[in-house]
Amino acid sequence: LNVEMISVCGADGKITPIRFRMETDESCMQVVPVIQVMHCKPIQQAGIDAIQYLCKGRVNDREKLFELRYTLKTHCWSIFRIVY
């Protein structure tokens, strides 16, 4: 599921997600603020370089854990899975 992301790129080149918009079941766009980046690591998925982020976000006043991925070649963000 591709998402629209607002992120910050530090002077060291490190990318930090701040908030994203995702489409809900009702076809509405919902803004999800990222509360905490718990883990970040470079990965390769099917030979494609990406960065995997494990983040806590707030959806409808509830905390959820998201696995987000940033694909380096296409510069696209996606939700790989919602852990809880």
PDB file of N, CA and C in Angstrom:
ATOM      1  N   LEU A   1       0.850  -1.173   0.000  1.00  0.00           N
ATOM      2  CA  LEU A   1       0.000   0.000   0.000  1.00  0.00           C
ATOM      3  C   LEU A   1       0.899   1.241   0.000  1.00  0.00           C
ATOM      4  N   ASN A   2       0.929   1.980  -1.106  1.00  0.00           N
ATOM      5  CA  ASN A   2       1.738   3.194  -1.180  1.00  0.00           C
ATOM      6  C   ASN A   2       1.101   4.296  -0.353  1.00  0.00           C
ATOM      7  N   VAL A   3       1.945   5.145   0.232  1.00  0.00           N
ATOM      8  CA  VAL A   3       1.472   6.236   1.079  1.00  0.00           C
ATOM      9  C   VAL A   3       2.173   7.530   0.674  1.00  0.00           C
ATOM     10  N   GLU A   4       1.547   8.661   1.033  1.00  0.00           N
ATOM     11  CA  GLU A   4       2.175   9.971   0.889  1.00  0.00           C
ATOM     12  C   GLU A   4       2.886  10.254   2.203  1.00  0.00           C
ATOM     13  N   MET A   5       4.186  10.586   2.145  1.00  0.00           N
ATOM     14  CA  MET A   5       4.997  10.708   3.351  1.00  0.00           C
ATOM     15  C   MET A   5       5.596  12.099   3.469  1.00  0.00           C
ATOM     16  N   ILE A   6       5.632  12.596   4.683  1.00  0.00           N
ATOM     17  CA  ILE A   6       6.435  13.781   5.024  1.00  0.00           C
ATOM     18  C   ILE A   6       7.574  13.257   5.884  1.00  0.00           C
ATOM     19  N   SER A   7       8.797  13.523   5.445  1.00  0.00           N
ATOM     20  CA  SER A   7       9.970  13.034   6.164  1.00  0.00           C
ATOM     21  C   SER A   7      11.020  14.135   6.224  1.00  0.00           C
ATOM     22  N   VAL A   8      12.020  13.912   7.057  1.00  0.00           N
ATOM     23  CA  VAL A   8      13.123  14.850   7.219  1.00  0.00           C
ATOM     24  C   VAL A   8      14.402  14.133   6.823  1.00  0.00           C
ATOM     25  N   CYS A   9      15.239  14.812   6.065  1.00  0.00           N
ATOM     26  CA  CYS A   9      16.549  14.278   5.706  1.00  0.00           C
ATOM     27  C   CYS A   9      17.604  15.095   6.442  1.00  0.00           C
ATOM     28  N   GLY A  10      18.338  14.445   7.330  1.00  0.00           N
ATOM     29  CA  GLY A  10      19.350  15.131   8.125  1.00  0.00           C
ATOM     30  C   GLY A  10      20.600  15.425   7.319  1.00  0.00           C
ATOM     31  N   ALA A  11      21.490  16.195   7.912  1.00  0.00           N
ATOM     32  CA  ALA A  11      22.757  16.555   7.264  1.00  0.00           C
ATOM     33  C   ALA A  11      23.601  15.316   6.972  1.00  0.00           C
ATOM     34  N   ASP A  12      23.390  14.247   7.736  1.00  0.00           N
ATOM     35  CA  ASP A  12      24.128  12.994   7.523  1.00  0.00           C
ATOM     36  C   ASP A  12      23.474  12.094   6.474  1.00  0.00           C
ATOM     37  N   GLY A  13      22.325  12.544   5.903  1.00  0.00           N
ATOM     38  CA  GLY A  13      21.625  11.777   4.886  1.00  0.00           C
ATOM     39  C   GLY A  13      20.587  10.825   5.447  1.00  0.00           C
ATOM     40  N   LYS A  14      20.460  10.755   6.755  1.00  0.00           N
ATOM     41  CA  LYS A  14      19.484   9.860   7.392  1.00  0.00           C
ATOM     42  C   LYS A  14      18.073  10.408   7.181  1.00  0.00           C
ATOM     43  N   ILE A  15      17.164   9.548   6.712  1.00  0.00           N
ATOM     44  CA  ILE A  15      15.776   9.916   6.453  1.00  0.00           C
ATOM     45  C   ILE A  15      14.925   9.467   7.646  1.00  0.00           C
ATOM     46  N   THR A  16      14.116  10.396   8.173  1.00  0.00           N
ATOM     47  CA  THR A  16      13.248  10.104   9.310  1.00  0.00           C
ATOM     48  C   THR A  16      11.805  10.422   8.932  1.00  0.00           C
ATOM     49  N   PRO A  17      10.903   9.430   8.987  1.00  0.00           N
ATOM     50  CA  PRO A  17       9.494   9.705   8.688  1.00  0.00           C
ATOM     51  C   PRO A  17       8.851  10.535   9.800  1.00  0.00           C
ATOM     52  N   ILE A  18       8.006  11.502   9.416  1.00  0.00           N
ATOM     53  CA  ILE A  18       7.323  12.383  10.369  1.00  0.00           C
ATOM     54  C   ILE A  18       5.829  12.062  10.424  1.00  0.00           C
ATOM     55  N   ARG A  19       5.180  12.016   9.262  1.00  0.00           N
ATOM     56  CA  ARG A  19       3.768  11.625   9.181  1.00  0.00           C
ATOM     57  C   ARG A  19       3.460  11.198   7.750  1.00  0.00           C
ATOM     58  N   PHE A  20       2.381  10.422   7.619  1.00  0.00           N
ATOM     59  CA  PHE A  20       1.996   9.948   6.284  1.00  0.00           C
ATOM     60  C   PHE A  20       0.488   9.934   6.153  1.00  0.00           C
ATOM     61  N   ARG A  21       0.050   9.893   4.882  1.00  0.00           N
ATOM     62  CA  ARG A  21      -1.381   9.775   4.569  1.00  0.00           C
ATOM     63  C   ARG A  21      -1.605   8.438   3.895  1.00  0.00           C
ATOM     64  N   MET A  22      -2.647   7.749   4.380  1.00  0.00           N
ATOM     65  CA  MET A  22      -3.004   6.468   3.775  1.00  0.00           C
ATOM     66  C   MET A  22      -4.494   6.452   3.505  1.00  0.00           C
ATOM     67  N   GLU A  23      -4.875   5.613   2.553  1.00  0.00           N
ATOM     68  CA  GLU A  23      -6.289   5.490   2.200  1.00  0.00           C
ATOM     69  C   GLU A  23      -6.948   4.490   3.147  1.00  0.00           C
ATOM     70  N   THR A  24      -8.118   4.856   3.680  1.00  0.00           N
ATOM     71  CA  THR A  24      -8.858   3.982   4.583  1.00  0.00           C
ATOM     72  C   THR A  24      -9.789   3.067   3.787  1.00  0.00           C
ATOM     73  N   ASP A  25     -10.471   2.183   4.488  1.00  0.00           N
ATOM     74  CA  ASP A  25     -11.422   1.276   3.851  1.00  0.00           C
ATOM     75  C   ASP A  25     -12.564   2.032   3.174  1.00  0.00           C
ATOM     76  N   GLU A  26     -12.873   3.224   3.690  1.00  0.00           N
ATOM     77  CA  GLU A  26     -13.959   4.038   3.142  1.00  0.00           C
ATOM     78  C   GLU A  26     -13.470   4.942   2.008  1.00  0.00           C
ATOM     79  N   SER A  27     -12.272   4.699   1.496  1.00  0.00           N
ATOM     80  CA  SER A  27     -11.656   5.483   0.413  1.00  0.00           C
ATOM     81  C   SER A  27     -11.420   6.935   0.802  1.00  0.00           C
ATOM     82  N   CYS A  28     -11.214   7.195   2.087  1.00  0.00           N
ATOM     83  CA  CYS A  28     -10.848   8.529   2.579  1.00  0.00           C
ATOM     84  C   CYS A  28      -9.356   8.519   2.892  1.00  0.00           C
ATOM     85  N   MET A  29      -8.737   9.689   2.825  1.00  0.00           N
ATOM     86  CA  MET A  29      -7.328   9.801   3.180  1.00  0.00           C
ATOM     87  C   MET A  29      -7.216  10.147   4.663  1.00  0.00           C
ATOM     88  N   GLN A  30      -6.371   9.413   5.387  1.00  0.00           N
ATOM     89  CA  GLN A  30      -6.189   9.630   6.810  1.00  0.00           C
ATOM     90  C   GLN A  30      -4.734   9.957   7.098  1.00  0.00           C
ATOM     91  N   VAL A  31      -4.505  11.011   7.900  1.00  0.00           N
ATOM     92  CA  VAL A  31      -3.153  11.411   8.284  1.00  0.00           C
ATOM     93  C   VAL A  31      -2.754  10.628   9.535  1.00  0.00           C
ATOM     94  N   VAL A  32      -1.558  10.034   9.496  1.00  0.00           N
ATOM     95  CA  VAL A  32      -1.046   9.250  10.620  1.00  0.00           C
ATOM     96  C   VAL A  32       0.276   9.867  11.065  1.00  0.00           C
ATOM     97  N   PRO A  33       0.302  10.523  12.253  1.00  0.00           N
ATOM     98  CA  PRO A  33       1.577  11.045  12.755  1.00  0.00           C
ATOM     99  C   PRO A  33       2.453   9.906  13.277  1.00  0.00           C
ATOM    100  N   VAL A  34       3.751   9.972  12.983  1.00  0.00           N
ATOM    101  CA  VAL A  34       4.699   8.977  13.481  1.00  0.00           C
ATOM    102  C   VAL A  34       5.150   9.446  14.861  1.00  0.00           C
ATOM    103  N   ILE A  35       4.846   8.657  15.869  1.00  0.00           N
ATOM    104  CA  ILE A  35       5.186   8.999  17.257  1.00  0.00           C
ATOM    105  C   ILE A  35       6.637   8.644  17.561  1.00  0.00           C
ATOM    106  N   GLN A  36       7.069   7.467  17.065  1.00  0.00           N
ATOM    107  CA  GLN A  36       8.415   6.990  17.378  1.00  0.00           C
ATOM    108  C   GLN A  36       8.907   6.056  16.282  1.00  0.00           C
ATOM    109  N   VAL A  37      10.158   6.235  15.875  1.00  0.00           N
ATOM    110  CA  VAL A  37      10.814   5.284  14.980  1.00  0.00           C
ATOM    111  C   VAL A  37      11.561   4.317  15.889  1.00  0.00           C
ATOM    112  N   MET A  38      11.105   3.089  15.931  1.00  0.00           N
ATOM    113  CA  MET A  38      11.669   2.115  16.857  1.00  0.00           C
ATOM    114  C   MET A  38      12.894   1.401  16.289  1.00  0.00           C
ATOM    115  N   HIS A  39      12.895   1.242  14.966  1.00  0.00           N
ATOM    116  CA  HIS A  39      13.989   0.503  14.331  1.00  0.00           C
ATOM    117  C   HIS A  39      14.079   0.919  12.867  1.00  0.00           C
ATOM    118  N   CYS A  40      15.292   0.957  12.352  1.00  0.00           N
ATOM    119  CA  CYS A  40      15.523   1.336  10.951  1.00  0.00           C
ATOM    120  C   CYS A  40      16.709   0.521  10.440  1.00  0.00           C
ATOM    121  N   LYS A  41      16.536  -0.120   9.261  1.00  0.00           N
ATOM    122  CA  LYS A  41      17.664  -0.881   8.702  1.00  0.00           C
ATOM    123  C   LYS A  41      17.541  -0.976   7.192  1.00  0.00           C
ATOM    124  N   PRO A  42      18.676  -1.004   6.498  1.00  0.00           N
ATOM    125  CA  PRO A  42      18.648  -1.203   5.045  1.00  0.00           C
ATOM    126  C   PRO A  42      18.341  -2.678   4.745  1.00  0.00           C
ATOM    127  N   ILE A  43      17.539  -2.904   3.701  1.00  0.00           N
ATOM    128  CA  ILE A  43      17.185  -4.268   3.294  1.00  0.00           C
ATOM    129  C   ILE A  43      17.244  -4.372   1.775  1.00  0.00           C
ATOM    130  N   GLN A  44      17.183  -5.595   1.295  1.00  0.00           N
ATOM    131  CA  GLN A  44      17.024  -5.865  -0.133  1.00  0.00           C
ATOM    132  C   GLN A  44      15.829  -6.785  -0.286  1.00  0.00           C
ATOM    133  N   GLN A  45      14.856  -6.348  -1.089  1.00  0.00           N
ATOM    134  CA  GLN A  45      13.662  -7.152  -1.324  1.00  0.00           C
ATOM    135  C   GLN A  45      13.577  -7.412  -2.822  1.00  0.00           C
ATOM    136  N   ALA A  46      13.699  -8.659  -3.212  1.00  0.00           N
ATOM    137  CA  ALA A  46      13.700  -9.054  -4.624  1.00  0.00           C
ATOM    138  C   ALA A  46      14.764  -8.285  -5.406  1.00  0.00           C
ATOM    139  N   GLY A  47      15.931  -8.083  -4.790  1.00  0.00           N
ATOM    140  CA  GLY A  47      17.035  -7.387  -5.442  1.00  0.00           C
ATOM    141  C   GLY A  47      16.904  -5.875  -5.468  1.00  0.00           C
ATOM    142  N   ILE A  48      15.895  -5.333  -4.802  1.00  0.00           N
ATOM    143  CA  ILE A  48      15.673  -3.885  -4.784  1.00  0.00           C
ATOM    144  C   ILE A  48      16.070  -3.341  -3.417  1.00  0.00           C
ATOM    145  N   ASP A  49      16.948  -2.328  -3.403  1.00  0.00           N
ATOM    146  CA  ASP A  49      17.406  -1.724  -2.159  1.00  0.00           C
ATOM    147  C   ASP A  49      16.313  -0.856  -1.548  1.00  0.00           C
ATOM    148  N   ALA A  50      16.127  -1.011  -0.243  1.00  0.00           N
ATOM    149  CA  ALA A  50      15.108  -0.248   0.474  1.00  0.00           C
ATOM    150  C   ALA A  50      15.582  -0.026   1.903  1.00  0.00           C
ATOM    151  N   ILE A  51      14.870   0.828   2.615  1.00  0.00           N
ATOM    152  CA  ILE A  51      15.096   1.024   4.040  1.00  0.00           C
ATOM    153  C   ILE A  51      13.798   0.656   4.744  1.00  0.00           C
ATOM    154  N   GLN A  52      13.905  -0.189   5.735  1.00  0.00           N
ATOM    155  CA  GLN A  52      12.738  -0.649   6.490  1.00  0.00           C
ATOM    156  C   GLN A  52      12.682   0.107   7.818  1.00  0.00           C
ATOM    157  N   TYR A  53      11.510   0.652   8.122  1.00  0.00           N
ATOM    158  CA  TYR A  53      11.288   1.394   9.362  1.00  0.00           C
ATOM    159  C   TYR A  53      10.183   0.713  10.154  1.00  0.00           C
ATOM    160  N   LEU A  54      10.418   0.484  11.429  1.00  0.00           N
ATOM    161  CA  LEU A  54       9.380   0.016  12.337  1.00  0.00           C
ATOM    162  C   LEU A  54       8.988   1.224  13.180  1.00  0.00           C
ATOM    163  N   CYS A  55       7.741   1.682  13.027  1.00  0.00           N
ATOM    164  CA  CYS A  55       7.306   2.951  13.619  1.00  0.00           C
ATOM    165  C   CYS A  55       5.997   2.806  14.374  1.00  0.00           C
ATOM    166  N   LYS A  56       5.884   3.565  15.459  1.00  0.00           N
ATOM    167  CA  LYS A  56       4.602   3.713  16.140  1.00  0.00           C
ATOM    168  C   LYS A  56       3.911   4.930  15.573  1.00  0.00           C
ATOM    169  N   GLY A  57       2.626   4.777  15.274  1.00  0.00           N
ATOM    170  CA  GLY A  57       1.830   5.882  14.769  1.00  0.00           C
ATOM    171  C   GLY A  57       0.504   5.944  15.498  1.00  0.00           C
ATOM    172  N   ARG A  58      -0.193   7.063  15.351  1.00  0.00           N
ATOM    173  CA  ARG A  58      -1.479   7.240  16.024  1.00  0.00           C
ATOM    174  C   ARG A  58      -2.593   7.273  14.983  1.00  0.00           C
ATOM    175  N   VAL A  59      -3.543   6.316  15.104  1.00  0.00           N
ATOM    176  CA  VAL A  59      -4.695   6.216  14.218  1.00  0.00           C
ATOM    177  C   VAL A  59      -5.951   6.206  15.085  1.00  0.00           C
ATOM    178  N   ASN A  60      -6.820   7.204  14.886  1.00  0.00           N
ATOM    179  CA  ASN A  60      -8.069   7.291  15.654  1.00  0.00           C
ATOM    180  C   ASN A  60      -7.815   7.188  17.162  1.00  0.00           C
ATOM    181  N   ASP A  61      -6.844   7.952  17.645  1.00  0.00           N
ATOM    182  CA  ASP A  61      -6.481   7.991  19.073  1.00  0.00           C
ATOM    183  C   ASP A  61      -5.985   6.656  19.624  1.00  0.00           C
ATOM    184  N   ARG A  62      -5.520   5.776  18.751  1.00  0.00           N
ATOM    185  CA  ARG A  62      -4.939   4.504  19.175  1.00  0.00           C
ATOM    186  C   ARG A  62      -3.556   4.380  18.561  1.00  0.00           C
ATOM    187  N   GLU A  63      -2.634   3.809  19.333  1.00  0.00           N
ATOM    188  CA  GLU A  63      -1.290   3.575  18.817  1.00  0.00           C
ATOM    189  C   GLU A  63      -1.276   2.293  17.995  1.00  0.00           C
ATOM    190  N   LYS A  64      -0.603   2.369  16.851  1.00  0.00           N
ATOM    191  CA  LYS A  64      -0.427   1.191  16.000  1.00  0.00           C
ATOM    192  C   LYS A  64       1.052   1.099  15.629  1.00  0.00           C
ATOM    193  N   LEU A  65       1.481  -0.097  15.341  1.00  0.00           N
ATOM    194  CA  LEU A  65       2.854  -0.351  14.936  1.00  0.00           C
ATOM    195  C   LEU A  65       2.859  -0.659  13.441  1.00  0.00           C
ATOM    196  N   PHE A  66       3.600   0.131  12.674  1.00  0.00           N
ATOM    197  CA  PHE A  66       3.664   0.004  11.222  1.00  0.00           C
ATOM    198  C   PHE A  66       5.061  -0.400  10.784  1.00  0.00           C
ATOM    199  N   GLU A  67       5.136  -1.235   9.757  1.00  0.00           N
ATOM    200  CA  GLU A  67       6.398  -1.483   9.079  1.00  0.00           C
ATOM    201  C   GLU A  67       6.328  -0.722   7.757  1.00  0.00           C
ATOM    202  N   LEU A  68       7.107   0.351   7.671  1.00  0.00           N
ATOM    203  CA  LEU A  68       7.152   1.196   6.481  1.00  0.00           C
ATOM    204  C   LEU A  68       8.412   0.879   5.701  1.00  0.00           C
ATOM    205  N   ARG A  69       8.340   1.033   4.380  1.00  0.00           N
ATOM    206  CA  ARG A  69       9.521   0.816   3.538  1.00  0.00           C
ATOM    207  C   ARG A  69       9.687   1.982   2.571  1.00  0.00           C
ATOM    208  N   TYR A  70      10.944   2.405   2.449  1.00  0.00           N
ATOM    209  CA  TYR A  70      11.310   3.449   1.507  1.00  0.00           C
ATOM    210  C   TYR A  70      12.198   2.811   0.446  1.00  0.00           C
ATOM    211  N   THR A  71      11.740   2.803  -0.802  1.00  0.00           N
ATOM    212  CA  THR A  71      12.489   2.212  -1.903  1.00  0.00           C
ATOM    213  C   THR A  71      13.440   3.265  -2.469  1.00  0.00           C
ATOM    214  N   LEU A  72      14.735   2.968  -2.446  1.00  0.00           N
ATOM    215  CA  LEU A  72      15.754   3.949  -2.830  1.00  0.00           C
ATOM    216  C   LEU A  72      15.678   4.328  -4.307  1.00  0.00           C
ATOM    217  N   LYS A  73      15.467   3.363  -5.191  1.00  0.00           N
ATOM    218  CA  LYS A  73      15.486   3.634  -6.622  1.00  0.00           C
ATOM    219  C   LYS A  73      14.306   4.511  -7.061  1.00  0.00           C
ATOM    220  N   THR A  74      13.111   4.233  -6.519  1.00  0.00           N
ATOM    221  CA  THR A  74      11.912   4.955  -6.953  1.00  0.00           C
ATOM    222  C   THR A  74      11.533   6.106  -6.019  1.00  0.00           C
ATOM    223  N   HIS A  75      12.182   6.174  -4.850  1.00  0.00           N
ATOM    224  CA  HIS A  75      11.882   7.196  -3.829  1.00  0.00           C
ATOM    225  C   HIS A  75      10.426   7.111  -3.367  1.00  0.00           C
ATOM    226  N   CYS A  76       9.873   5.898  -3.308  1.00  0.00           N
ATOM    227  CA  CYS A  76       8.482   5.696  -2.888  1.00  0.00           C
ATOM    228  C   CYS A  76       8.422   5.088  -1.495  1.00  0.00           C
ATOM    229  N   TRP A  77       7.423   5.534  -0.745  1.00  0.00           N
ATOM    230  CA  TRP A  77       7.134   4.985   0.576  1.00  0.00           C
ATOM    231  C   TRP A  77       5.945   4.047   0.475  1.00  0.00           C
ATOM    232  N   SER A  78       5.949   2.982   1.300  1.00  0.00           N
ATOM    233  CA  SER A  78       4.816   2.067   1.351  1.00  0.00           C
ATOM    234  C   SER A  78       4.690   1.476   2.746  1.00  0.00           C
ATOM    235  N   ILE A  79       3.463   1.057   3.062  1.00  0.00           N
ATOM    236  CA  ILE A  79       3.227   0.303   4.285  1.00  0.00           C
ATOM    237  C   ILE A  79       3.383  -1.157   3.899  1.00  0.00           C
ATOM    238  N   PHE A  80       4.368  -1.827   4.481  1.00  0.00           N
ATOM    239  CA  PHE A  80       4.564  -3.245   4.206  1.00  0.00           C
ATOM    240  C   PHE A  80       3.571  -4.072   5.015  1.00  0.00           C
ATOM    241  N   ARG A  81       3.371  -3.673   6.278  1.00  0.00           N
ATOM    242  CA  ARG A  81       2.367  -4.343   7.114  1.00  0.00           C
ATOM    243  C   ARG A  81       2.058  -3.494   8.334  1.00  0.00           C
ATOM    244  N   ILE A  82       0.883  -3.734   8.902  1.00  0.00           N
ATOM    245  CA  ILE A  82       0.495  -3.127  10.164  1.00  0.00           C
ATOM    246  C   ILE A  82       0.598  -4.252  11.197  1.00  0.00           C
ATOM    247  N   VAL A  83       1.546  -4.113  12.132  1.00  0.00           N
ATOM    248  CA  VAL A  83       1.846  -5.178  13.075  1.00  0.00           C
ATOM    249  C   VAL A  83       0.704  -5.341  14.076  1.00  0.00           C
ATOM    250  N   TYR A  84       0.261  -4.224  14.658  1.00  0.00           N
ATOM    251  CA  TYR A  84      -0.915  -4.238  15.542  1.00  0.00           C
ATOM    252  C   TYR A  84      -1.563  -2.904  15.556  1.00  0.00           C
TER     253      TYR A  84
END
